[in-house]
Amino acid sequence: MPAMRKMLLAAVVCVAAVGAAAQGLDAKFDPRRDAAADVARAVAQAGEQGKHVIVDVGGEWCAWCHILHRFIARTVEVRAAIEADYVWVKVNWSPANKNEQLLSAWPKVAGYPHLFVLDRSGRVIRSQPSVELESGTDYDVAKVLAFVRDSRPAR
């Protein structure tokens, strides 16, 4: 029985560690995370998978960040296009952590959420204000799909 408990505990710790390291579409904006490390992991994963990276800059305080998350979750075609060609990583921007060291190396952000597309080497190849993807009180499927398709890696 003690051996079984140790195995279960090890499995729980492993799952928790993977969850803590994971950043993606369903993650929250967390001011405690190491954004540079998260982006580096996403770039490495993108390189292994032949994808690009979308860096979603925003915060839990941001209404449009939540609207974007819900839009992607419910819009199957958009989510599938993102998952096919991108590794998604969320980078917090809030008074608790502005992630200035990472974000100062990229084009200036005027509003949130803001999307950066990085190639497999981590170079910014697109800076996308999300306001340009909006329509009324939501996001526009055609605009988001065009952004996703126009920025995907060459096959």
N, C-alpha and C. Protein backbone atom coordinates (compact mmCIF):
# COMPACT_ATOMS: atom_id res chain seq x y z
N MET A 1 0.81 -1.21 0.00
CA MET A 1 0.00 0.00 0.00
C MET A 1 0.85 1.26 0.00
N PRO A 2 1.93 1.36 0.82
CA PRO A 2 2.76 2.57 0.77
C PRO A 2 3.36 2.81 -0.62
N ALA A 3 3.73 1.73 -1.32
CA ALA A 3 4.29 1.90 -2.66
C ALA A 3 3.25 2.49 -3.61
N MET A 4 2.02 2.04 -3.48
CA MET A 4 0.94 2.55 -4.31
C MET A 4 0.70 4.03 -4.03
N ARG A 5 0.73 4.42 -2.77
CA ARG A 5 0.56 5.84 -2.41
C ARG A 5 1.67 6.69 -3.01
N LYS A 6 2.90 6.18 -2.96
CA LYS A 6 4.03 6.92 -3.53
C LYS A 6 3.84 7.09 -5.03
N MET A 7 3.37 6.04 -5.69
CA MET A 7 3.16 6.12 -7.14
C MET A 7 2.05 7.13 -7.45
N LEU A 8 0.97 7.10 -6.69
CA LEU A 8 -0.11 8.05 -6.91
C LEU A 8 0.34 9.48 -6.65
N LEU A 9 1.10 9.67 -5.57
CA LEU A 9 1.61 11.00 -5.26
C LEU A 9 2.53 11.50 -6.37
N ALA A 10 3.40 10.61 -6.86
CA ALA A 10 4.31 10.99 -7.95
C ALA A 10 3.51 11.37 -9.20
N ALA A 11 2.44 10.63 -9.48
CA ALA A 11 1.61 10.94 -10.65
C ALA A 11 0.93 12.29 -10.50
N VAL A 12 0.41 12.57 -9.30
CA VAL A 12 -0.24 13.86 -9.05
C VAL A 12 0.76 15.00 -9.20
N VAL A 13 1.95 14.83 -8.65
CA VAL A 13 2.99 15.86 -8.74
C VAL A 13 3.38 16.07 -10.20
N CYS A 14 3.49 15.00 -10.96
CA CYS A 14 3.85 15.11 -12.38
C CYS A 14 2.78 15.86 -13.16
N VAL A 15 1.51 15.49 -12.95
CA VAL A 15 0.41 16.16 -13.63
C VAL A 15 0.38 17.64 -13.25
N ALA A 16 0.57 17.94 -11.98
CA ALA A 16 0.57 19.34 -11.52
C ALA A 16 1.72 20.11 -12.16
N ALA A 17 2.88 19.49 -12.27
CA ALA A 17 4.03 20.17 -12.87
C ALA A 17 3.78 20.45 -14.34
N VAL A 18 3.21 19.47 -15.05
CA VAL A 18 2.91 19.68 -16.46
C VAL A 18 1.89 20.80 -16.61
N GLY A 19 0.85 20.78 -15.77
CA GLY A 19 -0.16 21.83 -15.83
C GLY A 19 0.41 23.20 -15.54
N ALA A 20 1.33 23.29 -14.58
CA ALA A 20 1.94 24.56 -14.23
C ALA A 20 2.83 25.07 -15.36
N ALA A 21 3.47 24.16 -16.07
CA ALA A 21 4.36 24.56 -17.16
C ALA A 21 3.58 24.90 -18.42
N ALA A 22 2.39 24.34 -18.55
CA ALA A 22 1.63 24.54 -19.77
C ALA A 22 1.06 25.95 -19.84
N GLN A 23 1.14 26.51 -21.00
CA GLN A 23 0.51 27.79 -21.28
C GLN A 23 -0.16 27.59 -22.63
N GLY A 24 -1.38 27.98 -22.72
CA GLY A 24 -2.05 27.79 -23.99
C GLY A 24 -3.34 28.56 -24.04
N LEU A 25 -4.16 28.16 -24.99
CA LEU A 25 -5.44 28.83 -25.21
C LEU A 25 -6.28 28.89 -23.94
N ASP A 26 -6.26 27.84 -23.15
CA ASP A 26 -7.13 27.78 -21.98
C ASP A 26 -6.48 28.27 -20.69
N ALA A 27 -5.24 28.70 -20.77
CA ALA A 27 -4.55 29.18 -19.57
C ALA A 27 -5.09 30.55 -19.16
N LYS A 28 -4.81 30.92 -17.93
CA LYS A 28 -5.16 32.26 -17.45
C LYS A 28 -3.93 33.15 -17.55
N PHE A 29 -4.16 34.44 -17.53
CA PHE A 29 -3.05 35.40 -17.46
C PHE A 29 -2.61 35.42 -16.01
N ASP A 30 -1.37 35.05 -15.76
CA ASP A 30 -0.88 34.91 -14.38
C ASP A 30 0.34 35.80 -14.18
N PRO A 31 0.21 36.84 -13.34
CA PRO A 31 1.34 37.75 -13.13
C PRO A 31 2.53 37.08 -12.46
N ARG A 32 2.35 35.90 -11.89
CA ARG A 32 3.47 35.21 -11.21
C ARG A 32 4.32 34.40 -12.18
N ARG A 33 3.84 34.19 -13.39
CA ARG A 33 4.58 33.35 -14.35
C ARG A 33 5.80 34.09 -14.89
N ASP A 34 6.78 33.31 -15.31
CA ASP A 34 7.97 33.83 -15.96
C ASP A 34 7.66 33.89 -17.47
N ALA A 35 7.24 35.04 -17.94
CA ALA A 35 6.79 35.17 -19.32
C ALA A 35 7.88 34.82 -20.32
N ALA A 36 9.10 35.24 -20.05
CA ALA A 36 10.19 34.94 -20.99
C ALA A 36 10.41 33.43 -21.10
N ALA A 37 10.34 32.73 -19.98
CA ALA A 37 10.49 31.27 -20.00
C ALA A 37 9.32 30.61 -20.72
N ASP A 38 8.11 31.11 -20.50
CA ASP A 38 6.94 30.57 -21.19
C ASP A 38 7.06 30.75 -22.70
N VAL A 39 7.49 31.92 -23.12
CA VAL A 39 7.65 32.18 -24.56
C VAL A 39 8.76 31.30 -25.12
N ALA A 40 9.85 31.15 -24.40
CA ALA A 40 10.95 30.29 -24.86
C ALA A 40 10.48 28.85 -25.04
N ARG A 41 9.69 28.35 -24.08
CA ARG A 41 9.15 26.99 -24.21
C ARG A 41 8.21 26.90 -25.42
N ALA A 42 7.39 27.91 -25.63
CA ALA A 42 6.47 27.91 -26.78
C ALA A 42 7.25 27.91 -28.09
N VAL A 43 8.31 28.71 -28.15
CA VAL A 43 9.14 28.76 -29.37
C VAL A 43 9.80 27.40 -29.62
N ALA A 44 10.31 26.78 -28.57
CA ALA A 44 10.92 25.45 -28.72
C ALA A 44 9.89 24.44 -29.21
N GLN A 45 8.72 24.47 -28.63
CA GLN A 45 7.65 23.55 -29.05
C GLN A 45 7.25 23.83 -30.49
N ALA A 46 7.12 25.09 -30.85
CA ALA A 46 6.77 25.45 -32.23
C ALA A 46 7.83 24.95 -33.20
N GLY A 47 9.09 25.08 -32.83
CA GLY A 47 10.16 24.58 -33.68
C GLY A 47 10.08 23.08 -33.90
N GLU A 48 9.77 22.36 -32.84
CA GLU A 48 9.64 20.90 -32.94
C GLU A 48 8.44 20.50 -33.79
N GLN A 49 7.38 21.29 -33.75
CA GLN A 49 6.13 20.93 -34.42
C GLN A 49 5.93 21.64 -35.76
N GLY A 50 6.88 22.47 -36.17
CA GLY A 50 6.74 23.18 -37.44
C GLY A 50 5.64 24.23 -37.41
N LYS A 51 5.48 24.87 -36.26
CA LYS A 51 4.42 25.87 -36.09
C LYS A 51 5.01 27.23 -35.79
N HIS A 52 4.16 28.23 -35.72
CA HIS A 52 4.51 29.55 -35.21
C HIS A 52 3.92 29.67 -33.81
N VAL A 53 4.22 30.78 -33.15
CA VAL A 53 3.73 31.05 -31.80
C VAL A 53 2.83 32.28 -31.86
N ILE A 54 1.71 32.21 -31.17
CA ILE A 54 0.91 33.40 -30.93
C ILE A 54 1.07 33.75 -29.46
N VAL A 55 1.58 34.94 -29.20
CA VAL A 55 1.71 35.45 -27.84
C VAL A 55 0.52 36.38 -27.62
N ASP A 56 -0.32 36.00 -26.68
CA ASP A 56 -1.53 36.72 -26.33
C ASP A 56 -1.20 37.56 -25.09
N VAL A 57 -1.09 38.86 -25.26
CA VAL A 57 -0.73 39.75 -24.15
C VAL A 57 -2.01 40.38 -23.61
N GLY A 58 -2.24 40.22 -22.33
CA GLY A 58 -3.45 40.76 -21.70
C GLY A 58 -3.45 40.48 -20.21
N GLY A 59 -4.63 40.45 -19.65
CA GLY A 59 -4.72 40.20 -18.21
C GLY A 59 -6.11 39.74 -17.82
N GLU A 60 -6.21 39.19 -16.64
CA GLU A 60 -7.49 38.74 -16.13
C GLU A 60 -8.45 39.91 -15.94
N TRP A 61 -7.96 41.11 -15.84
CA TRP A 61 -8.76 42.32 -15.67
C TRP A 61 -9.42 42.77 -16.98
N CYS A 62 -8.98 42.20 -18.10
CA CYS A 62 -9.32 42.67 -19.44
C CYS A 62 -10.56 41.96 -19.98
N ALA A 63 -11.66 42.71 -20.13
CA ALA A 63 -12.91 42.13 -20.64
C ALA A 63 -12.73 41.55 -22.04
N TRP A 64 -12.05 42.28 -22.93
CA TRP A 64 -11.87 41.80 -24.29
C TRP A 64 -10.99 40.56 -24.36
N CYS A 65 -10.09 40.38 -23.39
CA CYS A 65 -9.29 39.15 -23.31
C CYS A 65 -10.20 37.95 -23.08
N HIS A 66 -11.17 38.11 -22.19
CA HIS A 66 -12.12 37.03 -21.91
C HIS A 66 -13.06 36.79 -23.09
N ILE A 67 -13.45 37.86 -23.76
CA ILE A 67 -14.30 37.72 -24.95
C ILE A 67 -13.55 36.94 -26.02
N LEU A 68 -12.26 37.25 -26.23
CA LEU A 68 -11.45 36.53 -27.21
C LEU A 68 -11.36 35.06 -26.84
N HIS A 69 -11.10 34.77 -25.58
CA HIS A 69 -10.99 33.37 -25.13
C HIS A 69 -12.30 32.61 -25.43
N ARG A 70 -13.43 33.21 -25.06
CA ARG A 70 -14.73 32.55 -25.30
C ARG A 70 -15.01 32.39 -26.79
N PHE A 71 -14.64 33.41 -27.57
CA PHE A 71 -14.83 33.36 -29.02
C PHE A 71 -14.07 32.17 -29.61
N ILE A 72 -12.81 32.02 -29.25
CA ILE A 72 -12.00 30.92 -29.78
C ILE A 72 -12.54 29.58 -29.30
N ALA A 73 -12.95 29.50 -28.05
CA ALA A 73 -13.47 28.25 -27.49
C ALA A 73 -14.73 27.77 -28.23
N ARG A 74 -15.58 28.69 -28.63
CA ARG A 74 -16.86 28.29 -29.23
C ARG A 74 -16.82 28.26 -30.76
N THR A 75 -15.77 28.81 -31.37
CA THR A 75 -15.70 28.88 -32.82
C THR A 75 -14.75 27.80 -33.31
N VAL A 76 -15.33 26.65 -33.62
CA VAL A 76 -14.56 25.44 -33.92
C VAL A 76 -13.55 25.67 -35.04
N GLU A 77 -13.96 26.34 -36.09
CA GLU A 77 -13.07 26.56 -37.24
C GLU A 77 -11.86 27.40 -36.85
N VAL A 78 -12.06 28.41 -36.03
CA VAL A 78 -10.95 29.27 -35.58
C VAL A 78 -10.02 28.48 -34.67
N ARG A 79 -10.58 27.78 -33.70
CA ARG A 79 -9.75 27.01 -32.77
C ARG A 79 -8.94 25.95 -33.51
N ALA A 80 -9.57 25.26 -34.45
CA ALA A 80 -8.87 24.23 -35.23
C ALA A 80 -7.72 24.84 -36.03
N ALA A 81 -7.95 26.00 -36.63
CA ALA A 81 -6.89 26.66 -37.41
C ALA A 81 -5.72 27.07 -36.51
N ILE A 82 -6.04 27.56 -35.32
CA ILE A 82 -4.99 27.94 -34.38
C ILE A 82 -4.21 26.71 -33.93
N GLU A 83 -4.92 25.67 -33.53
CA GLU A 83 -4.25 24.47 -33.03
C GLU A 83 -3.41 23.78 -34.10
N ALA A 84 -3.81 23.92 -35.37
CA ALA A 84 -3.06 23.29 -36.47
C ALA A 84 -1.71 23.95 -36.72
N ASP A 85 -1.64 25.28 -36.52
CA ASP A 85 -0.45 26.01 -36.97
C ASP A 85 0.28 26.81 -35.90
N TYR A 86 -0.23 26.81 -34.68
CA TYR A 86 0.35 27.68 -33.66
C TYR A 86 0.47 27.01 -32.30
N VAL A 87 1.42 27.52 -31.56
CA VAL A 87 1.50 27.28 -30.12
C VAL A 87 1.07 28.60 -29.50
N TRP A 88 0.09 28.56 -28.62
CA TRP A 88 -0.48 29.77 -28.00
C TRP A 88 0.10 29.93 -26.62
N VAL A 89 0.53 31.12 -26.30
CA VAL A 89 1.05 31.40 -24.95
C VAL A 89 0.49 32.74 -24.49
N LYS A 90 0.06 32.76 -23.23
CA LYS A 90 -0.47 34.00 -22.66
C LYS A 90 0.60 34.67 -21.83
N VAL A 91 0.73 35.98 -22.03
CA VAL A 91 1.67 36.80 -21.27
C VAL A 91 0.87 37.87 -20.54
N ASN A 92 0.99 37.88 -19.25
CA ASN A 92 0.27 38.84 -18.42
C ASN A 92 0.82 40.25 -18.57
N TRP A 93 -0.09 41.19 -18.63
CA TRP A 93 0.25 42.61 -18.47
C TRP A 93 -0.77 43.15 -17.48
N SER A 94 -0.26 43.58 -16.35
CA SER A 94 -1.12 44.16 -15.30
C SER A 94 -0.22 44.97 -14.38
N PRO A 95 -0.81 45.78 -13.50
CA PRO A 95 0.02 46.51 -12.54
C PRO A 95 0.89 45.57 -11.69
N ALA A 96 0.42 44.34 -11.47
CA ALA A 96 1.21 43.38 -10.67
C ALA A 96 2.45 42.90 -11.41
N ASN A 97 2.40 42.87 -12.74
CA ASN A 97 3.55 42.44 -13.54
C ASN A 97 3.32 42.88 -14.98
N LYS A 98 4.06 43.86 -15.39
CA LYS A 98 3.94 44.38 -16.76
C LYS A 98 4.83 43.64 -17.75
N ASN A 99 5.64 42.70 -17.27
CA ASN A 99 6.55 41.93 -18.12
C ASN A 99 7.32 42.84 -19.07
N GLU A 100 7.82 43.93 -18.50
CA GLU A 100 8.49 44.97 -19.31
C GLU A 100 9.75 44.46 -20.00
N GLN A 101 10.51 43.59 -19.36
CA GLN A 101 11.75 43.13 -19.99
C GLN A 101 11.45 42.40 -21.29
N LEU A 102 10.48 41.52 -21.29
CA LEU A 102 10.12 40.79 -22.50
C LEU A 102 9.44 41.71 -23.51
N LEU A 103 8.42 42.42 -23.09
CA LEU A 103 7.60 43.19 -24.02
C LEU A 103 8.31 44.42 -24.58
N SER A 104 9.32 44.94 -23.88
CA SER A 104 10.03 46.11 -24.40
C SER A 104 10.86 45.79 -25.65
N ALA A 105 11.11 44.53 -25.90
CA ALA A 105 11.87 44.13 -27.08
C ALA A 105 10.98 44.03 -28.33
N TRP A 106 9.69 44.14 -28.15
CA TRP A 106 8.74 43.99 -29.24
C TRP A 106 8.03 45.31 -29.53
N PRO A 107 7.31 45.40 -30.65
CA PRO A 107 6.57 46.64 -30.93
C PRO A 107 5.65 47.03 -29.77
N LYS A 108 5.47 48.31 -29.61
CA LYS A 108 4.65 48.85 -28.52
C LYS A 108 3.20 48.41 -28.67
N VAL A 109 2.60 48.08 -27.53
CA VAL A 109 1.21 47.65 -27.47
C VAL A 109 0.34 48.84 -27.07
N ALA A 110 -0.73 49.09 -27.82
CA ALA A 110 -1.61 50.22 -27.52
C ALA A 110 -2.85 49.80 -26.75
N GLY A 111 -3.24 48.53 -26.83
CA GLY A 111 -4.44 48.06 -26.15
C GLY A 111 -4.38 46.55 -25.98
N TYR A 112 -5.33 46.03 -25.23
CA TYR A 112 -5.32 44.61 -24.88
C TYR A 112 -6.66 43.97 -25.19
N PRO A 113 -6.63 42.71 -25.58
CA PRO A 113 -5.46 41.89 -25.79
C PRO A 113 -4.71 42.31 -27.05
N HIS A 114 -3.47 41.95 -27.09
CA HIS A 114 -2.64 42.21 -28.25
C HIS A 114 -1.98 40.89 -28.61
N LEU A 115 -1.92 40.59 -29.90
CA LEU A 115 -1.36 39.32 -30.36
C LEU A 115 -0.07 39.56 -31.14
N PHE A 116 0.96 38.84 -30.74
CA PHE A 116 2.21 38.83 -31.50
C PHE A 116 2.36 37.44 -32.11
N VAL A 117 2.80 37.39 -33.34
CA VAL A 117 3.13 36.12 -33.97
C VAL A 117 4.64 36.04 -34.05
N LEU A 118 5.18 34.94 -33.54
CA LEU A 118 6.62 34.68 -33.58
C LEU A 118 6.87 33.51 -34.51
N ASP A 119 7.98 33.58 -35.23
CA ASP A 119 8.36 32.44 -36.05
C ASP A 119 9.05 31.40 -35.17
N ARG A 120 9.53 30.34 -35.76
CA ARG A 120 10.14 29.23 -35.00
C ARG A 120 11.43 29.62 -34.30
N SER A 121 12.00 30.76 -34.70
CA SER A 121 13.23 31.21 -34.04
C SER A 121 12.92 32.22 -32.93
N GLY A 122 11.64 32.59 -32.78
CA GLY A 122 11.26 33.54 -31.74
C GLY A 122 11.23 34.98 -32.20
N ARG A 123 11.41 35.22 -33.49
CA ARG A 123 11.38 36.58 -34.04
C ARG A 123 9.94 37.01 -34.28
N VAL A 124 9.62 38.23 -33.88
CA VAL A 124 8.28 38.77 -34.11
C VAL A 124 8.09 39.00 -35.61
N ILE A 125 7.08 38.35 -36.16
CA ILE A 125 6.79 38.53 -37.59
C ILE A 125 5.47 39.25 -37.82
N ARG A 126 4.71 39.43 -36.73
CA ARG A 126 3.46 40.19 -36.85
C ARG A 126 3.05 40.71 -35.47
N SER A 127 2.56 41.93 -35.47
CA SER A 127 2.03 42.55 -34.26
C SER A 127 0.59 42.93 -34.58
N GLN A 128 -0.35 42.29 -33.90
CA GLN A 128 -1.76 42.42 -34.26
C GLN A 128 -2.60 43.02 -33.13
N PRO A 129 -3.04 44.27 -33.28
CA PRO A 129 -4.01 44.80 -32.32
C PRO A 129 -5.33 44.04 -32.47
N SER A 130 -5.83 43.52 -31.39
CA SER A 130 -7.05 42.71 -31.49
C SER A 130 -8.27 43.54 -31.85
N VAL A 131 -8.22 44.83 -31.59
CA VAL A 131 -9.36 45.69 -31.93
C VAL A 131 -9.68 45.59 -33.42
N GLU A 132 -8.70 45.33 -34.24
CA GLU A 132 -8.91 45.20 -35.68
C GLU A 132 -9.65 43.91 -36.05
N LEU A 133 -9.75 43.00 -35.10
CA LEU A 133 -10.42 41.72 -35.33
C LEU A 133 -11.83 41.69 -34.75
N GLU A 134 -12.23 42.79 -34.13
CA GLU A 134 -13.53 42.86 -33.46
C GLU A 134 -14.65 43.19 -34.45
N SER A 135 -15.85 42.86 -33.99
CA SER A 135 -17.07 43.24 -34.71
C SER A 135 -18.15 43.41 -33.66
N GLY A 136 -18.57 44.64 -33.41
CA GLY A 136 -19.57 44.90 -32.39
C GLY A 136 -19.05 44.54 -31.01
N THR A 137 -19.74 43.63 -30.36
CA THR A 137 -19.36 43.23 -29.00
C THR A 137 -18.67 41.87 -28.98
N ASP A 138 -18.13 41.46 -30.12
CA ASP A 138 -17.45 40.16 -30.22
C ASP A 138 -16.34 40.25 -31.26
N TYR A 139 -15.77 39.13 -31.58
CA TYR A 139 -14.77 39.06 -32.64
C TYR A 139 -15.42 38.56 -33.92
N ASP A 140 -14.84 38.92 -35.04
CA ASP A 140 -15.37 38.57 -36.35
C ASP A 140 -14.66 37.32 -36.87
N VAL A 141 -15.43 36.29 -37.19
CA VAL A 141 -14.86 35.02 -37.63
C VAL A 141 -13.97 35.21 -38.84
N ALA A 142 -14.44 35.91 -39.86
CA ALA A 142 -13.65 36.09 -41.09
C ALA A 142 -12.35 36.83 -40.81
N LYS A 143 -12.40 37.87 -39.98
CA LYS A 143 -11.18 38.64 -39.67
C LYS A 143 -10.18 37.80 -38.88
N VAL A 144 -10.67 37.04 -37.91
CA VAL A 144 -9.75 36.22 -37.10
C VAL A 144 -9.16 35.11 -37.96
N LEU A 145 -9.98 34.47 -38.78
CA LEU A 145 -9.45 33.43 -39.67
C LEU A 145 -8.43 33.99 -40.64
N ALA A 146 -8.67 35.18 -41.18
CA ALA A 146 -7.70 35.79 -42.08
C ALA A 146 -6.38 36.05 -41.36
N PHE A 147 -6.44 36.57 -40.14
CA PHE A 147 -5.23 36.79 -39.34
C PHE A 147 -4.49 35.48 -39.13
N VAL A 148 -5.20 34.45 -38.73
CA VAL A 148 -4.58 33.16 -38.44
C VAL A 148 -3.98 32.56 -39.72
N ARG A 149 -4.70 32.60 -40.79
CA ARG A 149 -4.22 32.01 -42.05
C ARG A 149 -3.09 32.81 -42.66
N ASP A 150 -3.14 34.12 -42.58
CA ASP A 150 -2.09 34.96 -43.17
C ASP A 150 -0.77 34.86 -42.42
N SER A 151 -0.82 34.47 -41.17
CA SER A 151 0.38 34.46 -40.33
C SER A 151 0.96 33.06 -40.12
N ARG A 152 0.32 32.06 -40.64
CA ARG A 152 0.77 30.67 -40.39
C ARG A 152 2.08 30.38 -41.12
N PRO A 153 2.77 29.36 -40.64
CA PRO A 153 4.05 29.02 -41.29
C PRO A 153 3.83 28.44 -42.68
N ALA A 154 4.79 28.66 -43.53
CA ALA A 154 4.73 28.09 -44.89
C ALA A 154 4.86 26.58 -44.79
N ARG A 155 4.14 25.90 -45.59
CA ARG A 155 4.19 24.42 -45.60
C ARG A 155 4.85 23.93 -46.85
